[in-house]
Amino acid sequence: MAKSIGQWNEGRVLVQGNRVEHWLNGRKVVEYERGSENYRNLVGASKYAAPGYNANGRFGEAARGHILLQDHGDRVMFRNIRIKTLPKA
């Protein structure tokens, strides 16, 4: 799934309404519906349930706003970040 250290991975996040898909190197790794009971249960069992992450509303449920780029404590680089509004299907 993820490429070796020193190689670039390609990630895509596709959002249509509340439906979200995360893709890594051409393979879908997760999909969910923001605001669903399942999504809220998963967030509630994670570090994102902490009040600091929810001071401005429920974590991850804003329809518009900032983008979160995350790492897990290792050195990380991002390149070629693009945001597109796709035509409605």
PDB file of N, CA and C in Angstrom:
ATOM      1  N   MET A   1       0.830  -1.178   0.000  1.00  0.00           N
ATOM      2  CA  MET A   1       0.000   0.000   0.000  1.00  0.00           C
ATOM      3  C   MET A   1       0.882   1.251   0.000  1.00  0.00           C
ATOM      4  N   ALA A   2       1.525   1.592   1.114  1.00  0.00           N
ATOM      5  CA  ALA A   2       2.415   2.746   1.153  1.00  0.00           C
ATOM      6  C   ALA A   2       3.753   2.376   0.522  1.00  0.00           C
ATOM      7  N   LYS A   3       4.369   3.355  -0.120  1.00  0.00           N
ATOM      8  CA  LYS A   3       5.665   3.134  -0.752  1.00  0.00           C
ATOM      9  C   LYS A   3       6.781   3.228   0.275  1.00  0.00           C
ATOM     10  N   SER A   4       7.959   2.758  -0.102  1.00  0.00           N
ATOM     11  CA  SER A   4       9.122   2.753   0.781  1.00  0.00           C
ATOM     12  C   SER A   4       9.571   4.166   1.117  1.00  0.00           C
ATOM     13  N   ILE A   5      10.305   4.294   2.211  1.00  0.00           N
ATOM     14  CA  ILE A   5      10.881   5.577   2.611  1.00  0.00           C
ATOM     15  C   ILE A   5      11.716   6.121   1.460  1.00  0.00           C
ATOM     16  N   GLY A   6      11.549   7.398   1.179  1.00  0.00           N
ATOM     17  CA  GLY A   6      12.274   8.041   0.083  1.00  0.00           C
ATOM     18  C   GLY A   6      11.488   8.100  -1.210  1.00  0.00           C
ATOM     19  N   GLN A   7      10.367   7.389  -1.284  1.00  0.00           N
ATOM     20  CA  GLN A   7       9.499   7.433  -2.460  1.00  0.00           C
ATOM     21  C   GLN A   7       8.252   8.236  -2.121  1.00  0.00           C
ATOM     22  N   TRP A   8       7.673   8.863  -3.135  1.00  0.00           N
ATOM     23  CA  TRP A   8       6.459   9.651  -2.929  1.00  0.00           C
ATOM     24  C   TRP A   8       5.227   8.772  -3.010  1.00  0.00           C
ATOM     25  N   ASN A   9       4.294   8.980  -2.092  1.00  0.00           N
ATOM     26  CA  ASN A   9       2.980   8.363  -2.144  1.00  0.00           C
ATOM     27  C   ASN A   9       2.016   9.358  -2.764  1.00  0.00           C
ATOM     28  N   GLU A  10       0.969   8.864  -3.384  1.00  0.00           N
ATOM     29  CA  GLU A  10      -0.076   9.729  -3.923  1.00  0.00           C
ATOM     30  C   GLU A  10      -1.360   9.481  -3.161  1.00  0.00           C
ATOM     31  N   GLY A  11      -1.872  10.514  -2.538  1.00  0.00           N
ATOM     32  CA  GLY A  11      -3.122  10.407  -1.807  1.00  0.00           C
ATOM     33  C   GLY A  11      -4.195  11.262  -2.445  1.00  0.00           C
ATOM     34  N   ARG A  12      -5.417  10.801  -2.386  1.00  0.00           N
ATOM     35  CA  ARG A  12      -6.567  11.567  -2.876  1.00  0.00           C
ATOM     36  C   ARG A  12      -7.670  11.463  -1.843  1.00  0.00           C
ATOM     37  N   VAL A  13      -8.352  12.568  -1.661  1.00  0.00           N
ATOM     38  CA  VAL A  13      -9.537  12.591  -0.814  1.00  0.00           C
ATOM     39  C   VAL A  13     -10.669  13.104  -1.682  1.00  0.00           C
ATOM     40  N   LEU A  14     -11.699  12.310  -1.854  1.00  0.00           N
ATOM     41  CA  LEU A  14     -12.855  12.683  -2.661  1.00  0.00           C
ATOM     42  C   LEU A  14     -14.052  12.866  -1.737  1.00  0.00           C
ATOM     43  N   VAL A  15     -14.729  13.987  -1.898  1.00  0.00           N
ATOM     44  CA  VAL A  15     -15.884  14.296  -1.055  1.00  0.00           C
ATOM     45  C   VAL A  15     -17.067  14.631  -1.942  1.00  0.00           C
ATOM     46  N   GLN A  16     -18.181  13.976  -1.699  1.00  0.00           N
ATOM     47  CA  GLN A  16     -19.431  14.306  -2.382  1.00  0.00           C
ATOM     48  C   GLN A  16     -20.511  14.351  -1.315  1.00  0.00           C
ATOM     49  N   GLY A  17     -20.939  15.570  -0.987  1.00  0.00           N
ATOM     50  CA  GLY A  17     -21.858  15.732   0.131  1.00  0.00           C
ATOM     51  C   GLY A  17     -21.151  15.334   1.415  1.00  0.00           C
ATOM     52  N   ASN A  18     -21.722  14.392   2.153  1.00  0.00           N
ATOM     53  CA  ASN A  18     -21.102  13.899   3.388  1.00  0.00           C
ATOM     54  C   ASN A  18     -20.298  12.618   3.166  1.00  0.00           C
ATOM     55  N   ARG A  19     -20.305  12.099   1.950  1.00  0.00           N
ATOM     56  CA  ARG A  19     -19.573  10.864   1.639  1.00  0.00           C
ATOM     57  C   ARG A  19     -18.121  11.204   1.335  1.00  0.00           C
ATOM     58  N   VAL A  20     -17.203  10.526   2.017  1.00  0.00           N
ATOM     59  CA  VAL A  20     -15.770  10.805   1.885  1.00  0.00           C
ATOM     60  C   VAL A  20     -15.031   9.504   1.581  1.00  0.00           C
ATOM     61  N   GLU A  21     -14.107   9.577   0.613  1.00  0.00           N
ATOM     62  CA  GLU A  21     -13.236   8.442   0.300  1.00  0.00           C
ATOM     63  C   GLU A  21     -11.792   8.905   0.388  1.00  0.00           C
ATOM     64  N   HIS A  22     -10.931   8.085   0.979  1.00  0.00           N
ATOM     65  CA  HIS A  22      -9.485   8.332   1.019  1.00  0.00           C
ATOM     66  C   HIS A  22      -8.820   7.252   0.176  1.00  0.00           C
ATOM     67  N   TRP A  23      -7.968   7.683  -0.762  1.00  0.00           N
ATOM     68  CA  TRP A  23      -7.248   6.780  -1.658  1.00  0.00           C
ATOM     69  C   TRP A  23      -5.758   6.952  -1.443  1.00  0.00           C
ATOM     70  N   LEU A  24      -5.001   5.873  -1.488  1.00  0.00           N
ATOM     71  CA  LEU A  24      -3.551   5.907  -1.369  1.00  0.00           C
ATOM     72  C   LEU A  24      -2.968   5.068  -2.493  1.00  0.00           C
ATOM     73  N   ASN A  25      -2.192   5.715  -3.358  1.00  0.00           N
ATOM     74  CA  ASN A  25      -1.541   5.041  -4.483  1.00  0.00           C
ATOM     75  C   ASN A  25      -2.523   4.228  -5.321  1.00  0.00           C
ATOM     76  N   GLY A  26      -3.683   4.840  -5.606  1.00  0.00           N
ATOM     77  CA  GLY A  26      -4.678   4.216  -6.477  1.00  0.00           C
ATOM     78  C   GLY A  26      -5.569   3.185  -5.816  1.00  0.00           C
ATOM     79  N   ARG A  27      -5.446   3.017  -4.510  1.00  0.00           N
ATOM     80  CA  ARG A  27      -6.247   2.015  -3.791  1.00  0.00           C
ATOM     81  C   ARG A  27      -7.071   2.704  -2.710  1.00  0.00           C
ATOM     82  N   LYS A  28      -8.382   2.448  -2.699  1.00  0.00           N
ATOM     83  CA  LYS A  28      -9.233   3.042  -1.669  1.00  0.00           C
ATOM     84  C   LYS A  28      -8.915   2.386  -0.330  1.00  0.00           C
ATOM     85  N   VAL A  29      -8.576   3.222   0.672  1.00  0.00           N
ATOM     86  CA  VAL A  29      -8.204   2.684   1.977  1.00  0.00           C
ATOM     87  C   VAL A  29      -9.286   2.902   3.030  1.00  0.00           C
ATOM     88  N   VAL A  30     -10.159   3.883   2.820  1.00  0.00           N
ATOM     89  CA  VAL A  30     -11.248   4.089   3.769  1.00  0.00           C
ATOM     90  C   VAL A  30     -12.337   4.930   3.115  1.00  0.00           C
ATOM     91  N   GLU A  31     -13.562   4.681   3.510  1.00  0.00           N
ATOM     92  CA  GLU A  31     -14.684   5.523   3.110  1.00  0.00           C
ATOM     93  C   GLU A  31     -15.634   5.641   4.293  1.00  0.00           C
ATOM     94  N   TYR A  32     -16.282   6.783   4.390  1.00  0.00           N
ATOM     95  CA  TYR A  32     -17.203   7.018   5.508  1.00  0.00           C
ATOM     96  C   TYR A  32     -18.161   8.136   5.153  1.00  0.00           C
ATOM     97  N   GLU A  33     -19.173   8.283   5.966  1.00  0.00           N
ATOM     98  CA  GLU A  33     -20.129   9.368   5.816  1.00  0.00           C
ATOM     99  C   GLU A  33     -20.025  10.268   7.039  1.00  0.00           C
ATOM    100  N   ARG A  34     -19.585  11.523   6.800  1.00  0.00           N
ATOM    101  CA  ARG A  34     -19.449  12.476   7.902  1.00  0.00           C
ATOM    102  C   ARG A  34     -20.806  12.663   8.580  1.00  0.00           C
ATOM    103  N   GLY A  35     -20.787  12.680   9.893  1.00  0.00           N
ATOM    104  CA  GLY A  35     -22.005  12.897  10.658  1.00  0.00           C
ATOM    105  C   GLY A  35     -22.829  11.659  10.914  1.00  0.00           C
ATOM    106  N   SER A  36     -22.462  10.520  10.300  1.00  0.00           N
ATOM    107  CA  SER A  36     -23.225   9.291  10.538  1.00  0.00           C
ATOM    108  C   SER A  36     -22.939   8.783  11.950  1.00  0.00           C
ATOM    109  N   GLU A  37     -23.807   7.920  12.441  1.00  0.00           N
ATOM    110  CA  GLU A  37     -23.618   7.345  13.770  1.00  0.00           C
ATOM    111  C   GLU A  37     -22.290   6.587  13.851  1.00  0.00           C
ATOM    112  N   ASN A  38     -21.965   5.820  12.810  1.00  0.00           N
ATOM    113  CA  ASN A  38     -20.715   5.070  12.784  1.00  0.00           C
ATOM    114  C   ASN A  38     -19.512   6.014  12.835  1.00  0.00           C
ATOM    115  N   TYR A  39     -19.543   7.083  12.039  1.00  0.00           N
ATOM    116  CA  TYR A  39     -18.444   8.055  12.032  1.00  0.00           C
ATOM    117  C   TYR A  39     -18.278   8.673  13.421  1.00  0.00           C
ATOM    118  N   ARG A  40     -19.364   9.103  14.023  1.00  0.00           N
ATOM    119  CA  ARG A  40     -19.276   9.728  15.349  1.00  0.00           C
ATOM    120  C   ARG A  40     -18.781   8.753  16.410  1.00  0.00           C
ATOM    121  N   ASN A  41     -19.156   7.485  16.301  1.00  0.00           N
ATOM    122  CA  ASN A  41     -18.646   6.480  17.244  1.00  0.00           C
ATOM    123  C   ASN A  41     -17.134   6.300  17.086  1.00  0.00           C
ATOM    124  N   LEU A  42     -16.651   6.265  15.840  1.00  0.00           N
ATOM    125  CA  LEU A  42     -15.216   6.119  15.603  1.00  0.00           C
ATOM    126  C   LEU A  42     -14.441   7.329  16.116  1.00  0.00           C
ATOM    127  N   VAL A  43     -14.934   8.528  15.853  1.00  0.00           N
ATOM    128  CA  VAL A  43     -14.286   9.744  16.370  1.00  0.00           C
ATOM    129  C   VAL A  43     -14.323   9.737  17.891  1.00  0.00           C
ATOM    130  N   GLY A  44     -15.439   9.325  18.471  1.00  0.00           N
ATOM    131  CA  GLY A  44     -15.594   9.298  19.925  1.00  0.00           C
ATOM    132  C   GLY A  44     -14.633   8.354  20.620  1.00  0.00           C
ATOM    133  N   ALA A  45     -14.150   7.352  19.894  1.00  0.00           N
ATOM    134  CA  ALA A  45     -13.205   6.389  20.459  1.00  0.00           C
ATOM    135  C   ALA A  45     -11.761   6.749  20.121  1.00  0.00           C
ATOM    136  N   SER A  46     -11.544   7.924  19.546  1.00  0.00           N
ATOM    137  CA  SER A  46     -10.206   8.327  19.124  1.00  0.00           C
ATOM    138  C   SER A  46      -9.725   9.541  19.920  1.00  0.00           C
ATOM    139  N   LYS A  47      -8.484   9.953  19.655  1.00  0.00           N
ATOM    140  CA  LYS A  47      -7.953  11.147  20.306  1.00  0.00           C
ATOM    141  C   LYS A  47      -8.734  12.396  19.899  1.00  0.00           C
ATOM    142  N   TYR A  48      -9.474  12.337  18.794  1.00  0.00           N
ATOM    143  CA  TYR A  48     -10.219  13.498  18.307  1.00  0.00           C
ATOM    144  C   TYR A  48     -11.509  13.747  19.082  1.00  0.00           C
ATOM    145  N   ALA A  49     -11.791  12.928  20.072  1.00  0.00           N
ATOM    146  CA  ALA A  49     -12.937  13.180  20.941  1.00  0.00           C
ATOM    147  C   ALA A  49     -12.615  14.241  21.992  1.00  0.00           C
ATOM    148  N   ALA A  50     -11.337  14.553  22.190  1.00  0.00           N
ATOM    149  CA  ALA A  50     -10.915  15.538  23.202  1.00  0.00           C
ATOM    150  C   ALA A  50     -11.546  16.899  22.909  1.00  0.00           C
ATOM    151  N   PRO A  51     -11.944  17.617  23.948  1.00  0.00           N
ATOM    152  CA  PRO A  51     -12.613  18.912  23.758  1.00  0.00           C
ATOM    153  C   PRO A  51     -11.858  19.893  22.872  1.00  0.00           C
ATOM    154  N   GLY A  52     -10.548  19.897  22.932  1.00  0.00           N
ATOM    155  CA  GLY A  52      -9.774  20.829  22.118  1.00  0.00           C
ATOM    156  C   GLY A  52      -9.983  20.640  20.624  1.00  0.00           C
ATOM    157  N   TYR A  53     -10.274  19.423  20.206  1.00  0.00           N
ATOM    158  CA  TYR A  53     -10.507  19.156  18.786  1.00  0.00           C
ATOM    159  C   TYR A  53     -11.932  19.525  18.374  1.00  0.00           C
ATOM    160  N   ASN A  54     -12.799  19.780  19.330  1.00  0.00           N
ATOM    161  CA  ASN A  54     -14.203  20.021  19.039  1.00  0.00           C
ATOM    162  C   ASN A  54     -14.681  21.387  19.498  1.00  0.00           C
ATOM    163  N   ALA A  55     -13.751  22.295  19.769  1.00  0.00           N
ATOM    164  CA  ALA A  55     -14.096  23.626  20.285  1.00  0.00           C
ATOM    165  C   ALA A  55     -14.943  24.429  19.298  1.00  0.00           C
ATOM    166  N   ASN A  56     -14.786  24.159  18.015  1.00  0.00           N
ATOM    167  CA  ASN A  56     -15.525  24.917  16.995  1.00  0.00           C
ATOM    168  C   ASN A  56     -16.552  24.068  16.260  1.00  0.00           C
ATOM    169  N   GLY A  57     -17.031  23.026  16.891  1.00  0.00           N
ATOM    170  CA  GLY A  57     -17.982  22.107  16.272  1.00  0.00           C
ATOM    171  C   GLY A  57     -17.419  20.698  16.282  1.00  0.00           C
ATOM    172  N   ARG A  58     -18.215  19.761  15.851  1.00  0.00           N
ATOM    173  CA  ARG A  58     -17.786  18.356  15.855  1.00  0.00           C
ATOM    174  C   ARG A  58     -16.612  18.138  14.903  1.00  0.00           C
ATOM    175  N   PHE A  59     -15.619  17.374  15.373  1.00  0.00           N
ATOM    176  CA  PHE A  59     -14.412  17.123  14.594  1.00  0.00           C
ATOM    177  C   PHE A  59     -14.750  16.488  13.243  1.00  0.00           C
ATOM    178  N   GLY A  60     -14.222  17.084  12.178  1.00  0.00           N
ATOM    179  CA  GLY A  60     -14.336  16.512  10.840  1.00  0.00           C
ATOM    180  C   GLY A  60     -15.673  16.671  10.170  1.00  0.00           C
ATOM    181  N   GLU A  61     -16.591  17.454  10.737  1.00  0.00           N
ATOM    182  CA  GLU A  61     -17.920  17.557  10.149  1.00  0.00           C
ATOM    183  C   GLU A  61     -18.208  18.901   9.489  1.00  0.00           C
ATOM    184  N   ALA A  62     -17.250  19.805   9.481  1.00  0.00           N
ATOM    185  CA  ALA A  62     -17.479  21.093   8.822  1.00  0.00           C
ATOM    186  C   ALA A  62     -17.552  20.885   7.313  1.00  0.00           C
ATOM    187  N   ALA A  63     -18.535  21.499   6.683  1.00  0.00           N
ATOM    188  CA  ALA A  63     -18.680  21.387   5.231  1.00  0.00           C
ATOM    189  C   ALA A  63     -17.621  22.213   4.500  1.00  0.00           C
ATOM    190  N   ARG A  64     -17.103  23.235   5.155  1.00  0.00           N
ATOM    191  CA  ARG A  64     -16.082  24.103   4.565  1.00  0.00           C
ATOM    192  C   ARG A  64     -15.081  24.462   5.648  1.00  0.00           C
ATOM    193  N   GLY A  65     -13.877  24.828   5.241  1.00  0.00           N
ATOM    194  CA  GLY A  65     -12.911  25.270   6.236  1.00  0.00           C
ATOM    195  C   GLY A  65     -11.498  24.827   5.921  1.00  0.00           C
ATOM    196  N   HIS A  66     -10.725  24.670   6.952  1.00  0.00           N
ATOM    197  CA  HIS A  66      -9.310  24.340   6.821  1.00  0.00           C
ATOM    198  C   HIS A  66      -9.102  22.867   6.495  1.00  0.00           C
ATOM    199  N   ILE A  67      -7.941  22.580   5.915  1.00  0.00           N
ATOM    200  CA  ILE A  67      -7.549  21.207   5.612  1.00  0.00           C
ATOM    201  C   ILE A  67      -6.488  20.784   6.620  1.00  0.00           C
ATOM    202  N   LEU A  68      -6.612  19.599   7.159  1.00  0.00           N
ATOM    203  CA  LEU A  68      -5.671  19.064   8.137  1.00  0.00           C
ATOM    204  C   LEU A  68      -4.716  18.108   7.434  1.00  0.00           C
ATOM    205  N   LEU A  69      -3.423  18.424   7.479  1.00  0.00           N
ATOM    206  CA  LEU A  69      -2.387  17.513   6.988  1.00  0.00           C
ATOM    207  C   LEU A  69      -1.712  16.919   8.214  1.00  0.00           C
ATOM    208  N   GLN A  70      -1.667  15.613   8.293  1.00  0.00           N
ATOM    209  CA  GLN A  70      -1.262  14.940   9.515  1.00  0.00           C
ATOM    210  C   GLN A  70      -0.043  14.060   9.287  1.00  0.00           C
ATOM    211  N   ASP A  71       0.784  13.957  10.324  1.00  0.00           N
ATOM    212  CA  ASP A  71       1.864  12.977  10.331  1.00  0.00           C
ATOM    213  C   ASP A  71       1.839  12.293  11.691  1.00  0.00           C
ATOM    214  N   HIS A  72       2.715  11.354  11.891  1.00  0.00           N
ATOM    215  CA  HIS A  72       2.732  10.609  13.150  1.00  0.00           C
ATOM    216  C   HIS A  72       4.079  10.725  13.851  1.00  0.00           C
ATOM    217  N   GLY A  73       4.658  11.927  13.788  1.00  0.00           N
ATOM    218  CA  GLY A  73       5.890  12.190  14.515  1.00  0.00           C
ATOM    219  C   GLY A  73       7.168  11.980  13.726  1.00  0.00           C
ATOM    220  N   ASP A  74       7.053  11.478  12.513  1.00  0.00           N
ATOM    221  CA  ASP A  74       8.229  11.281  11.674  1.00  0.00           C
ATOM    222  C   ASP A  74       8.407  12.489  10.756  1.00  0.00           C
ATOM    223  N   ARG A  75       9.565  12.582  10.123  1.00  0.00           N
ATOM    224  CA  ARG A  75       9.787  13.629   9.141  1.00  0.00           C
ATOM    225  C   ARG A  75       8.853  13.369   7.959  1.00  0.00           C
ATOM    226  N   VAL A  76       8.181  14.410   7.503  1.00  0.00           N
ATOM    227  CA  VAL A  76       7.207  14.261   6.432  1.00  0.00           C
ATOM    228  C   VAL A  76       7.283  15.471   5.505  1.00  0.00           C
ATOM    229  N   MET A  77       7.017  15.263   4.236  1.00  0.00           N
ATOM    230  CA  MET A  77       6.988  16.350   3.258  1.00  0.00           C
ATOM    231  C   MET A  77       5.739  16.178   2.391  1.00  0.00           C
ATOM    232  N   PHE A  78       5.210  17.309   1.958  1.00  0.00           N
ATOM    233  CA  PHE A  78       4.062  17.307   1.059  1.00  0.00           C
ATOM    234  C   PHE A  78       4.453  18.085  -0.186  1.00  0.00           C
ATOM    235  N   ARG A  79       3.919  17.706  -1.326  1.00  0.00           N
ATOM    236  CA  ARG A  79       4.157  18.454  -2.561  1.00  0.00           C
ATOM    237  C   ARG A  79       2.943  18.318  -3.469  1.00  0.00           C
ATOM    238  N   ASN A  80       2.812  19.271  -4.367  1.00  0.00           N
ATOM    239  CA  ASN A  80       1.746  19.247  -5.374  1.00  0.00           C
ATOM    240  C   ASN A  80       0.357  19.077  -4.770  1.00  0.00           C
ATOM    241  N   ILE A  81       0.058  19.855  -3.768  1.00  0.00           N
ATOM    242  CA  ILE A  81      -1.261  19.801  -3.138  1.00  0.00           C
ATOM    243  C   ILE A  81      -2.217  20.633  -3.991  1.00  0.00           C
ATOM    244  N   ARG A  82      -3.278  20.015  -4.441  1.00  0.00           N
ATOM    245  CA  ARG A  82      -4.274  20.691  -5.278  1.00  0.00           C
ATOM    246  C   ARG A  82      -5.668  20.442  -4.716  1.00  0.00           C
ATOM    247  N   ILE A  83      -6.493  21.436  -4.829  1.00  0.00           N
ATOM    248  CA  ILE A  83      -7.889  21.325  -4.427  1.00  0.00           C
ATOM    249  C   ILE A  83      -8.735  21.651  -5.652  1.00  0.00           C
ATOM    250  N   LYS A  84      -9.616  20.750  -6.017  1.00  0.00           N
ATOM    251  CA  LYS A  84     -10.459  20.949  -7.196  1.00  0.00           C
ATOM    252  C   LYS A  84     -11.922  20.771  -6.812  1.00  0.00           C
ATOM    253  N   THR A  85     -12.755  21.591  -7.406  1.00  0.00           N
ATOM    254  CA  THR A  85     -14.194  21.364  -7.336  1.00  0.00           C
ATOM    255  C   THR A  85     -14.562  20.651  -8.617  1.00  0.00           C
ATOM    256  N   LEU A  86     -15.056  19.437  -8.486  1.00  0.00           N
ATOM    257  CA  LEU A  86     -15.399  18.642  -9.655  1.00  0.00           C
ATOM    258  C   LEU A  86     -16.834  18.910 -10.067  1.00  0.00           C
ATOM    259  N   PRO A  87     -17.138  18.798 -11.356  1.00  0.00           N
ATOM    260  CA  PRO A  87     -18.510  18.989 -11.791  1.00  0.00           C
ATOM    261  C   PRO A  87     -19.407  17.899 -11.194  1.00  0.00           C
ATOM    262  N   LYS A  88     -20.641  18.261 -10.927  1.00  0.00           N
ATOM    263  CA  LYS A  88     -21.584  17.285 -10.364  1.00  0.00           C
ATOM    264  C   LYS A  88     -21.893  16.215 -11.395  1.00  0.00           C
ATOM    265  N   ALA A  89     -21.956  14.985 -10.919  1.00  0.00           N
ATOM    266  CA  ALA A  89     -22.213  13.845 -11.830  1.00  0.00           C
ATOM    267  C   ALA A  89     -23.673  13.739 -12.175  1.00  0.00           C
TER     268      ALA A  89
END
